[in-house]
Amino acid sequence: MIKVDFSRKAGKVKPLHGINNGPLSSECVTDTSKYYKEIGIPFVRLHDTDWPSFKMVDIPKIFPDFDADPEDPNNYMFEQTDQTIEAIVKTGAKVLYRLGTSIEHTKVKRFAVPPKDFVQWARICIGVIKHYNEGWANGYHFNIKHWEIWNEPENSNQMFAGGTAEDYYNLYITSTKMIKEYDSTLKLGGYAAGYIPDAGPDDHYFSNFLRRVKEENAPLDFFSWHIYTSDIKAIERRADYVKQELDKYGFGDIEIYLDEWNYFDADWVEFLSPEGEYIRKGVFEKIRSQLGAAFTTAAMIRMQTLPIDIAFYYDGQPRIDWCGLFDFYGCPIKTFYAMKAFGLLYKDENSVWSVSDTDGIYCLATENHVLIVNYGAKAGHYMVDMDNIKGGKVETYMVDEQNNLELTRTEYFEGYRLVQRVYLGENSIALLKISDI
């Protein structure tokens, strides 16, 4: 049974359908802007941008001569990043800009290494911010507020080669203090944590980061973390643990961003091994399937009541393996329609009380929509009990193997209560739209 009470307000629908990258990709050849607008993507995070070229966004690509003068506009190469951010802003989305570098999987790292001078690096970052917020260097007035310091520095083999935890802590402290002195209105955070275990004795990087930031009185307006899993309960445990640690170290009031997440049901060592091609194939095919769409929907619904303020699906670039919204050509596939359905609830702004009493059935409701997904339950008919509903019309739209958010049923009713029987196949998604006649 799914129950909905339209008279009981349950808070704002959070921007949990943000995304990494896009709408431009493949060296700006592929443009999915119309689809970003159709979903109503609220935030776009810039990291691993223009995969696999990485020709933009990263500090070494914008400022190739690290020893040059950061005050000289001629030392920056903004043009390609300009085009990317212009496209994001035109969709109506806000930008979270990751200051640092993209991942490098090669044995020798050219860019994913600690900066040799943290003060110089911070001055370069300020130049980037000035370009996009103050119009400096023939720039813009985009008023980008969210700036993230590096990505997964604890993943030192691929993201911070040769650097220690103390190196990253010092980079974060130095750069955030300098950037905040330049503009105190900016939201600064990190560290885009790639690995935070469940509560336990091995989590030193996270706790030591929080301790150092607190001791140095460095800015931390948001904390960001990542998870790749097929288990909704793993997201629950990790989110609760992150919040618990932030509270413990005196950061209970800051925002929390899950700024990389996606479906993953493999072992990372086997997945990344030279012999792991069929494991990788299996994971990526699931991401681009109805299963991936169901997981995405269930995760966003569950995040609504977890300590997560903004979430960013990884990734929106059609030619990256992790993209479940589009095929390689930029055509929408199943997760696009799941995101579009969630976007309709986000546009409604306020949620109302809803609950499912069946494990694997997740629901979220607003005054105009009820979103339901079967991720882990048996296929079958489920009763949806809607109370304090104004008489009118209920339309059912499905995302399943046969439908891409297409209308499958219309029912007219009178009164203030409706009990509707909805068939949910495995991994299917139902969107009920409530309207006046």
Protein backbone atom coordinates (compact mmCIF):
# COMPACT_ATOMS: atom_id res chain seq x y z
CA MET A 1 0.00 0.00 0.00
CA ILE A 2 1.16 3.50 -0.89
CA LYS A 3 -0.54 6.24 1.10
CA VAL A 4 -0.63 9.93 0.23
CA ASP A 5 -2.21 12.71 2.27
CA PHE A 6 -2.40 15.91 0.23
CA SER A 7 -3.31 17.99 3.29
CA ARG A 8 0.01 17.33 5.06
CA LYS A 9 2.93 19.38 3.81
CA ALA A 10 6.32 17.65 3.95
CA GLY A 11 8.86 20.26 2.91
CA LYS A 12 10.48 21.46 -0.30
CA VAL A 13 11.42 19.01 -3.01
CA LYS A 14 15.20 19.18 -3.07
CA PRO A 15 17.37 19.62 -6.20
CA LEU A 16 18.43 15.98 -6.32
CA HIS A 17 18.42 15.72 -10.13
CA GLY A 18 21.55 17.76 -10.66
CA ILE A 19 24.15 16.30 -12.98
CA ASN A 20 27.84 16.24 -13.77
CA ASN A 21 28.69 17.94 -17.08
CA GLY A 22 26.84 18.69 -20.26
CA PRO A 23 24.89 19.85 -22.04
CA LEU A 24 27.87 20.33 -24.39
CA SER A 25 30.25 17.39 -24.78
CA SER A 26 32.53 15.67 -27.31
CA GLU A 27 34.46 18.90 -27.89
CA CYS A 28 31.15 20.78 -28.07
CA VAL A 29 29.85 18.69 -30.98
CA THR A 30 27.06 17.04 -28.96
CA ASP A 31 24.52 19.43 -27.45
CA THR A 32 21.76 18.07 -25.19
CA SER A 33 20.60 21.52 -24.04
CA LYS A 34 16.97 20.97 -25.08
CA TYR A 35 16.84 17.84 -22.95
CA TYR A 36 18.39 19.59 -19.93
CA LYS A 37 15.69 22.24 -20.26
CA GLU A 38 13.01 19.57 -20.62
CA ILE A 39 14.10 17.93 -17.36
CA GLY A 40 14.75 21.25 -15.65
CA ILE A 41 18.25 20.31 -14.48
CA PRO A 42 18.87 22.59 -11.46
CA PHE A 43 22.66 22.27 -11.07
CA VAL A 44 25.55 21.15 -13.25
CA ARG A 45 28.89 20.20 -11.70
CA LEU A 46 32.00 20.62 -13.80
CA HIS A 47 34.45 17.74 -13.32
CA ASP A 48 35.86 15.30 -15.91
CA THR A 49 34.43 17.79 -18.37
CA ASP A 50 34.58 17.03 -22.10
CA TRP A 51 35.60 13.44 -21.49
CA PRO A 52 38.00 12.09 -22.63
CA SER A 53 39.81 15.21 -23.90
CA PHE A 54 39.63 17.22 -20.62
CA LYS A 55 40.57 20.33 -22.59
CA MET A 56 38.64 22.71 -20.39
CA VAL A 57 37.63 23.62 -16.83
CA ASP A 58 40.76 22.12 -15.23
CA ILE A 59 43.21 24.67 -13.87
CA PRO A 60 46.21 23.37 -15.88
CA LYS A 61 44.18 23.64 -19.10
CA ILE A 62 43.00 27.17 -18.42
CA PHE A 63 46.34 28.36 -17.02
CA PRO A 64 48.99 26.20 -18.74
CA ASP A 65 52.12 28.00 -17.46
CA PHE A 66 51.88 27.65 -13.70
CA ASP A 67 54.73 30.11 -13.09
CA ALA A 68 53.14 32.91 -15.11
CA ASP A 69 51.52 36.00 -13.62
CA PRO A 70 47.91 35.28 -12.52
CA GLU A 71 47.11 38.98 -12.79
CA ASP A 72 47.77 38.97 -16.55
CA PRO A 73 44.67 37.97 -18.57
CA ASN A 74 46.89 36.85 -21.45
CA ASN A 75 48.08 33.87 -19.41
CA TYR A 76 44.63 32.27 -19.33
CA MET A 77 42.87 30.16 -22.00
CA PHE A 78 39.19 30.58 -21.19
CA GLU A 79 37.58 30.14 -24.59
CA GLN A 80 36.51 26.49 -24.51
CA THR A 81 35.37 26.65 -20.89
CA ASP A 82 33.43 29.81 -21.74
CA GLN A 83 31.43 27.94 -24.36
CA THR A 84 30.67 25.12 -21.93
CA ILE A 85 29.47 27.38 -19.12
CA GLU A 86 27.48 29.60 -21.46
CA ALA A 87 25.51 26.54 -22.54
CA ILE A 88 24.82 25.52 -18.94
CA VAL A 89 23.59 28.97 -17.97
CA LYS A 90 21.28 29.11 -21.00
CA THR A 91 19.50 25.96 -19.78
CA GLY A 92 18.67 27.72 -16.50
CA ALA A 93 20.95 25.51 -14.39
CA LYS A 94 23.38 26.78 -11.79
CA VAL A 95 27.06 25.80 -11.87
CA LEU A 96 29.20 24.03 -9.30
CA TYR A 97 32.77 24.55 -10.51
CA ARG A 98 35.39 22.07 -9.35
CA LEU A 99 38.73 23.85 -9.07
CA GLY A 100 41.49 21.34 -9.72
CA THR A 101 41.98 18.60 -12.29
CA SER A 102 40.13 15.69 -13.87
CA ILE A 103 41.05 12.09 -13.19
CA GLU A 104 44.08 10.51 -14.87
CA HIS A 105 44.19 6.73 -15.27
CA THR A 106 47.62 6.63 -16.89
CA LYS A 107 50.66 5.46 -14.89
CA VAL A 108 52.36 8.85 -15.17
CA LYS A 109 50.23 11.80 -14.06
CA ARG A 110 50.75 15.11 -15.82
CA PHE A 111 48.08 17.18 -14.09
CA ALA A 112 46.51 15.22 -11.21
CA VAL A 113 49.30 16.15 -8.84
CA PRO A 114 49.49 18.62 -5.95
CA PRO A 115 50.24 22.19 -7.05
CA LYS A 116 53.84 23.09 -6.31
CA ASP A 117 52.81 26.43 -4.78
CA PHE A 118 49.48 26.63 -2.98
CA VAL A 119 49.38 30.44 -2.86
CA GLN A 120 50.06 30.70 -6.59
CA TRP A 121 47.36 28.10 -7.25
CA ALA A 122 44.84 30.07 -5.19
CA ARG A 123 45.70 33.26 -7.10
CA ILE A 124 45.02 31.44 -10.38
CA CYS A 125 41.69 30.19 -9.03
CA ILE A 126 40.74 33.74 -8.11
CA GLY A 127 41.51 34.76 -11.68
CA VAL A 128 39.09 32.09 -12.91
CA ILE A 129 36.39 33.26 -10.50
CA LYS A 130 36.90 36.90 -11.53
CA HIS A 131 36.51 35.95 -15.18
CA TYR A 132 33.13 34.28 -14.65
CA ASN A 133 31.72 36.58 -11.99
CA GLU A 134 33.23 40.03 -12.55
CA GLY A 135 33.69 40.14 -16.32
CA TRP A 136 37.48 40.21 -15.93
CA ALA A 137 39.56 39.21 -18.97
CA ASN A 138 36.65 39.72 -21.36
CA GLY A 139 34.54 37.54 -19.11
CA TYR A 140 31.05 37.22 -17.68
CA HIS A 141 28.78 38.11 -14.79
CA PHE A 142 27.38 34.62 -14.16
CA ASN A 143 27.53 34.99 -10.37
CA ILE A 144 28.68 31.38 -9.89
CA LYS A 145 28.48 30.77 -6.14
CA HIS A 146 29.60 27.16 -5.69
CA TRP A 147 33.35 26.42 -5.90
CA GLU A 148 34.81 23.06 -4.92
CA ILE A 149 38.46 22.52 -4.02
CA TRP A 150 39.79 19.48 -5.90
CA ASN A 151 38.18 16.07 -6.37
CA GLU A 152 38.85 12.87 -4.42
CA PRO A 153 42.31 13.83 -3.14
CA GLU A 154 42.36 10.71 -0.96
CA ASN A 155 42.46 8.76 -4.23
CA SER A 156 46.12 9.69 -4.46
CA ASN A 157 46.98 7.19 -7.20
CA GLN A 158 44.69 8.89 -9.73
CA MET A 159 43.75 12.32 -8.38
CA PHE A 160 46.54 13.65 -6.15
CA ALA A 161 49.62 11.67 -7.20
CA GLY A 162 52.59 12.07 -4.87
CA GLY A 163 50.55 14.08 -2.39
CA THR A 164 49.76 13.31 1.23
CA ALA A 165 46.66 14.00 3.27
CA GLU A 166 48.46 16.94 4.90
CA ASP A 167 49.27 18.32 1.45
CA TYR A 168 45.60 18.40 0.57
CA TYR A 169 44.54 19.83 3.91
CA ASN A 170 47.06 22.65 3.48
CA LEU A 171 45.95 23.26 -0.12
CA TYR A 172 42.33 23.47 1.01
CA ILE A 173 43.03 25.75 3.96
CA THR A 174 45.31 28.10 2.01
CA SER A 175 43.08 28.42 -1.05
CA THR A 176 39.73 28.77 0.73
CA LYS A 177 41.05 31.48 3.03
CA MET A 178 42.42 33.45 0.08
CA ILE A 179 39.30 32.99 -2.05
CA LYS A 180 37.01 33.91 0.83
CA GLU A 181 39.05 37.05 1.47
CA TYR A 182 38.56 37.96 -2.19
CA ASP A 183 34.78 37.35 -2.05
CA SER A 184 33.10 36.37 1.20
CA THR A 185 29.77 35.61 -0.53
CA LEU A 186 31.09 32.54 -2.38
CA LYS A 187 30.24 29.03 -1.19
CA LEU A 188 33.45 27.02 -0.82
CA GLY A 189 33.78 23.35 -0.01
CA GLY A 190 35.21 19.94 -0.69
CA TYR A 191 36.65 17.53 -0.78
CA ALA A 192 34.44 15.56 -3.17
CA ALA A 193 35.28 12.50 -1.10
CA GLY A 194 35.48 9.37 -3.20
CA TYR A 195 35.80 6.99 -0.29
CA ILE A 196 34.04 7.41 3.01
CA PRO A 197 33.42 4.08 4.71
CA ASP A 198 30.54 3.39 6.98
CA ALA A 199 31.22 4.44 10.57
CA GLY A 200 34.36 2.70 11.73
CA PRO A 201 37.95 3.08 12.89
CA ASP A 202 39.54 3.36 9.42
CA ASP A 203 38.07 6.68 8.41
CA HIS A 204 40.99 8.96 9.26
CA TYR A 205 41.13 11.11 6.12
CA PHE A 206 37.62 12.48 6.61
CA SER A 207 37.85 13.09 10.35
CA ASN A 208 41.34 14.61 10.11
CA PHE A 209 40.14 16.93 7.34
CA LEU A 210 37.31 18.20 9.50
CA ARG A 211 39.60 18.57 12.50
CA ARG A 212 42.21 20.58 10.54
CA VAL A 213 39.62 22.83 8.93
CA LYS A 214 38.11 23.54 12.35
CA GLU A 215 41.51 24.20 13.97
CA GLU A 216 42.53 26.57 11.18
CA ASN A 217 39.12 28.26 11.06
CA ALA A 218 39.06 27.69 7.30
CA PRO A 219 35.86 28.17 5.30
CA LEU A 220 33.67 25.10 4.77
CA ASP A 221 30.29 26.10 3.38
CA PHE A 222 29.52 22.64 2.04
CA PHE A 223 30.91 19.15 2.25
CA SER A 224 30.76 16.94 -0.85
CA TRP A 225 31.03 13.19 -1.17
CA HIS A 226 30.49 10.36 -3.68
CA ILE A 227 29.02 6.89 -3.80
CA TYR A 228 28.62 4.24 -6.49
CA THR A 229 26.34 1.43 -5.38
CA SER A 230 23.25 -0.58 -6.25
CA ASP A 231 22.08 -0.58 -2.62
CA ILE A 232 19.78 2.24 -1.52
CA LYS A 233 20.52 1.39 2.11
CA ALA A 234 24.23 2.02 1.48
CA ILE A 235 23.31 5.57 0.49
CA GLU A 236 21.31 5.88 3.71
CA ARG A 237 24.18 4.65 5.90
CA ARG A 238 26.76 6.85 4.23
CA ALA A 239 24.61 9.97 4.31
CA ASP A 240 23.82 9.50 8.00
CA TYR A 241 27.49 8.92 8.83
CA VAL A 242 28.62 12.03 6.95
CA LYS A 243 26.06 14.11 8.82
CA GLN A 244 27.07 12.54 12.14
CA GLU A 245 30.74 13.42 11.62
CA LEU A 246 29.98 16.95 10.49
CA ASP A 247 27.89 17.48 13.61
CA LYS A 248 30.67 16.01 15.76
CA TYR A 249 33.24 18.51 14.51
CA GLY A 250 30.97 21.55 14.68
CA PHE A 251 29.83 21.70 11.05
CA GLY A 252 26.22 20.77 11.65
CA ASP A 253 24.82 23.76 9.77
CA ILE A 254 26.68 23.42 6.47
CA GLU A 255 25.18 22.06 3.27
CA ILE A 256 25.91 18.52 2.13
CA TYR A 257 26.28 17.65 -1.56
CA LEU A 258 26.32 14.15 -3.01
CA ASP A 259 28.06 15.30 -6.15
CA GLU A 260 28.86 11.99 -7.81
CA TRP A 261 26.60 8.94 -7.67
CA ASN A 262 25.39 6.17 -9.94
CA TYR A 263 24.51 2.50 -10.11
CA PHE A 264 27.38 0.07 -9.42
CA ASP A 265 27.14 -3.60 -8.48
CA ALA A 266 30.70 -4.88 -9.03
CA ASP A 267 33.98 -5.16 -7.17
CA TRP A 268 36.17 -2.14 -7.96
CA VAL A 269 39.40 -4.14 -8.25
CA GLU A 270 37.86 -6.58 -10.70
CA PHE A 271 36.03 -3.77 -12.50
CA LEU A 272 39.26 -1.85 -13.16
CA SER A 273 41.46 -4.84 -13.95
CA PRO A 274 42.65 -5.55 -17.53
CA GLU A 275 40.55 -8.72 -17.43
CA GLY A 276 37.43 -6.87 -16.33
CA GLU A 277 35.94 -6.03 -19.71
CA TYR A 278 32.81 -8.16 -19.24
CA ILE A 279 32.31 -6.81 -15.72
CA ARG A 280 32.51 -3.26 -17.05
CA LYS A 281 30.17 -4.14 -19.90
CA GLY A 282 27.63 -5.53 -17.45
CA VAL A 283 27.70 -2.47 -15.18
CA PHE A 284 27.44 0.06 -17.99
CA GLU A 285 24.65 -1.82 -19.75
CA LYS A 286 22.66 -1.82 -16.51
CA ILE A 287 23.22 1.93 -16.09
CA ARG A 288 21.73 2.50 -19.55
CA SER A 289 18.78 0.15 -18.91
CA GLN A 290 15.41 0.25 -17.17
CA LEU A 291 17.18 -1.08 -14.07
CA GLY A 292 19.43 1.99 -14.05
CA ALA A 293 16.40 4.26 -14.38
CA ALA A 294 14.65 2.54 -11.49
CA PHE A 295 17.72 2.80 -9.27
CA THR A 296 18.08 6.49 -10.14
CA THR A 297 14.45 7.17 -9.26
CA ALA A 298 14.55 5.20 -6.01
CA ALA A 299 17.77 6.93 -4.98
CA MET A 300 16.42 10.44 -5.62
CA ILE A 301 13.21 9.66 -3.74
CA ARG A 302 15.14 8.28 -0.77
CA MET A 303 17.56 11.22 -0.74
CA GLN A 304 14.60 13.54 -0.20
CA THR A 305 14.54 12.57 3.49
CA LEU A 306 18.29 12.06 3.95
CA PRO A 307 20.83 14.74 4.98
CA ILE A 308 21.65 15.58 1.35
CA ASP A 309 20.89 19.08 0.09
CA ILE A 310 21.89 18.74 -3.58
CA ALA A 311 22.78 15.67 -5.62
CA PHE A 312 24.63 15.40 -8.93
CA TYR A 313 24.24 12.26 -11.03
CA TYR A 314 27.46 11.13 -12.74
CA ASP A 315 27.42 11.71 -15.73
CA GLY A 316 25.52 13.61 -18.43
CA GLN A 317 27.98 13.26 -21.31
CA PRO A 318 26.54 10.76 -23.83
CA ARG A 319 29.88 9.23 -24.76
CA ILE A 320 31.05 8.57 -21.23
CA ASP A 321 30.24 5.06 -20.05
CA TRP A 322 28.53 6.28 -16.87
CA CYS A 323 25.79 8.19 -18.71
CA GLY A 324 22.34 6.63 -18.36
CA LEU A 325 20.35 9.55 -19.76
CA PHE A 326 21.44 9.33 -23.38
CA ASP A 327 22.82 6.86 -25.86
CA PHE A 328 26.18 7.56 -27.50
CA TYR A 329 24.50 9.89 -30.00
CA GLY A 330 22.72 12.07 -27.46
CA CYS A 331 19.27 10.48 -27.85
CA PRO A 332 17.26 10.10 -24.61
CA ILE A 333 17.07 6.67 -22.97
CA LYS A 334 15.37 5.39 -19.82
CA THR A 335 17.05 7.44 -17.07
CA PHE A 336 16.29 10.64 -18.99
CA TYR A 337 12.58 9.94 -18.55
CA ALA A 338 13.10 9.10 -14.88
CA MET A 339 14.85 12.44 -14.38
CA LYS A 340 12.11 14.22 -16.30
CA ALA A 341 9.48 12.72 -14.01
CA PHE A 342 11.36 13.82 -10.90
CA GLY A 343 11.80 17.27 -12.45
CA LEU A 344 8.02 17.68 -12.60
CA LEU A 345 7.81 17.18 -8.83
CA TYR A 346 10.68 19.61 -8.31
CA LYS A 347 8.82 22.26 -10.30
CA ASP A 348 5.84 21.77 -7.97
CA GLU A 349 8.20 22.92 -5.18
CA ASN A 350 6.47 21.45 -2.11
CA SER A 351 6.07 17.79 -1.23
CA VAL A 352 3.18 16.25 0.69
CA TRP A 353 3.16 13.29 3.06
CA SER A 354 3.53 9.90 1.44
CA VAL A 355 4.64 6.46 2.57
CA SER A 356 5.03 2.93 1.22
CA ASP A 357 4.70 -0.10 3.45
CA THR A 358 6.48 -2.39 0.97
CA ASP A 359 10.25 -2.81 0.82
CA GLY A 360 11.46 -1.91 -2.65
CA ILE A 361 8.54 0.40 -3.42
CA TYR A 362 9.50 4.07 -3.10
CA CYS A 363 7.20 7.07 -3.42
CA LEU A 364 7.32 10.85 -3.39
CA ALA A 365 4.31 13.15 -3.79
CA THR A 366 3.46 16.80 -4.39
CA GLU A 367 0.09 18.48 -4.77
CA ASN A 368 0.11 17.69 -8.49
CA HIS A 369 2.11 14.46 -8.84
CA VAL A 370 2.82 11.11 -7.21
CA LEU A 371 6.04 9.37 -8.27
CA ILE A 372 6.34 5.64 -7.52
CA VAL A 373 9.10 3.19 -8.42
CA ASN A 374 9.56 -0.54 -7.97
CA TYR A 375 13.23 -1.14 -7.24
CA GLY A 376 13.53 -4.49 -5.53
CA ALA A 377 9.93 -5.56 -4.96
CA LYS A 378 7.86 -8.21 -6.74
CA ALA A 379 5.98 -7.26 -9.85
CA GLY A 380 2.29 -6.83 -9.16
CA HIS A 381 -0.61 -4.52 -8.49
CA TYR A 382 -0.17 -1.99 -5.69
CA MET A 383 -2.87 0.13 -4.10
CA VAL A 384 -2.35 3.90 -3.99
CA ASP A 385 -4.56 5.48 -1.31
CA MET A 386 -4.81 9.24 -1.93
CA ASP A 387 -6.56 11.20 0.82
CA ASN A 388 -7.65 14.84 0.93
CA ILE A 389 -7.41 14.98 -2.84
CA LYS A 390 -9.57 17.38 -4.79
CA GLY A 391 -11.86 15.69 -7.30
CA GLY A 392 -10.80 15.76 -10.91
CA LYS A 393 -8.58 13.62 -13.07
CA VAL A 394 -5.64 11.26 -12.48
CA GLU A 395 -3.40 10.38 -15.43
CA THR A 396 -0.87 7.57 -15.16
CA TYR A 397 2.41 7.82 -17.05
CA MET A 398 4.83 4.88 -17.09
CA VAL A 399 8.55 4.44 -17.58
CA ASP A 400 9.13 0.75 -18.20
CA GLU A 401 10.33 -1.55 -20.96
CA GLN A 402 7.42 -0.51 -23.20
CA ASN A 403 6.90 3.15 -22.25
CA ASN A 404 8.97 6.30 -22.04
CA LEU A 405 6.87 8.39 -19.66
CA GLU A 406 3.83 7.81 -21.84
CA LEU A 407 0.19 8.09 -20.80
CA THR A 408 -1.26 4.65 -20.10
CA ARG A 409 -4.42 5.42 -18.12
CA THR A 410 -6.83 8.25 -17.30
CA GLU A 411 -9.35 8.12 -14.45
CA TYR A 412 -11.97 10.71 -13.44
CA PHE A 413 -13.24 10.89 -9.89
CA GLU A 414 -15.25 12.94 -7.42
CA GLY A 415 -14.83 13.58 -3.73
CA TYR A 416 -11.74 13.86 -1.56
CA ARG A 417 -10.34 10.36 -1.59
CA LEU A 418 -9.23 8.00 -4.34
CA VAL A 419 -7.79 4.49 -4.08
CA GLN A 420 -6.15 3.51 -7.34
CA ARG A 421 -4.71 0.14 -8.35
CA VAL A 422 -1.40 0.51 -10.19
CA TYR A 423 0.56 -2.30 -11.80
CA LEU A 424 4.31 -2.04 -11.17
CA GLY A 425 6.51 -4.48 -13.01
CA GLU A 426 10.07 -5.02 -11.83
CA ASN A 427 12.03 -1.77 -12.13
CA SER A 428 9.02 0.12 -13.47
CA ILE A 429 8.24 3.75 -12.68
CA ALA A 430 4.76 5.28 -12.42
CA LEU A 431 3.96 8.98 -12.42
CA LEU A 432 0.43 9.97 -11.40
CA LYS A 433 -0.60 13.45 -12.49
CA ILE A 434 -3.53 14.98 -10.59
CA SER A 435 -5.46 17.84 -12.17
CA ASP A 436 -8.86 19.49 -12.34
CA ILE A 437 -11.27 18.48 -15.05
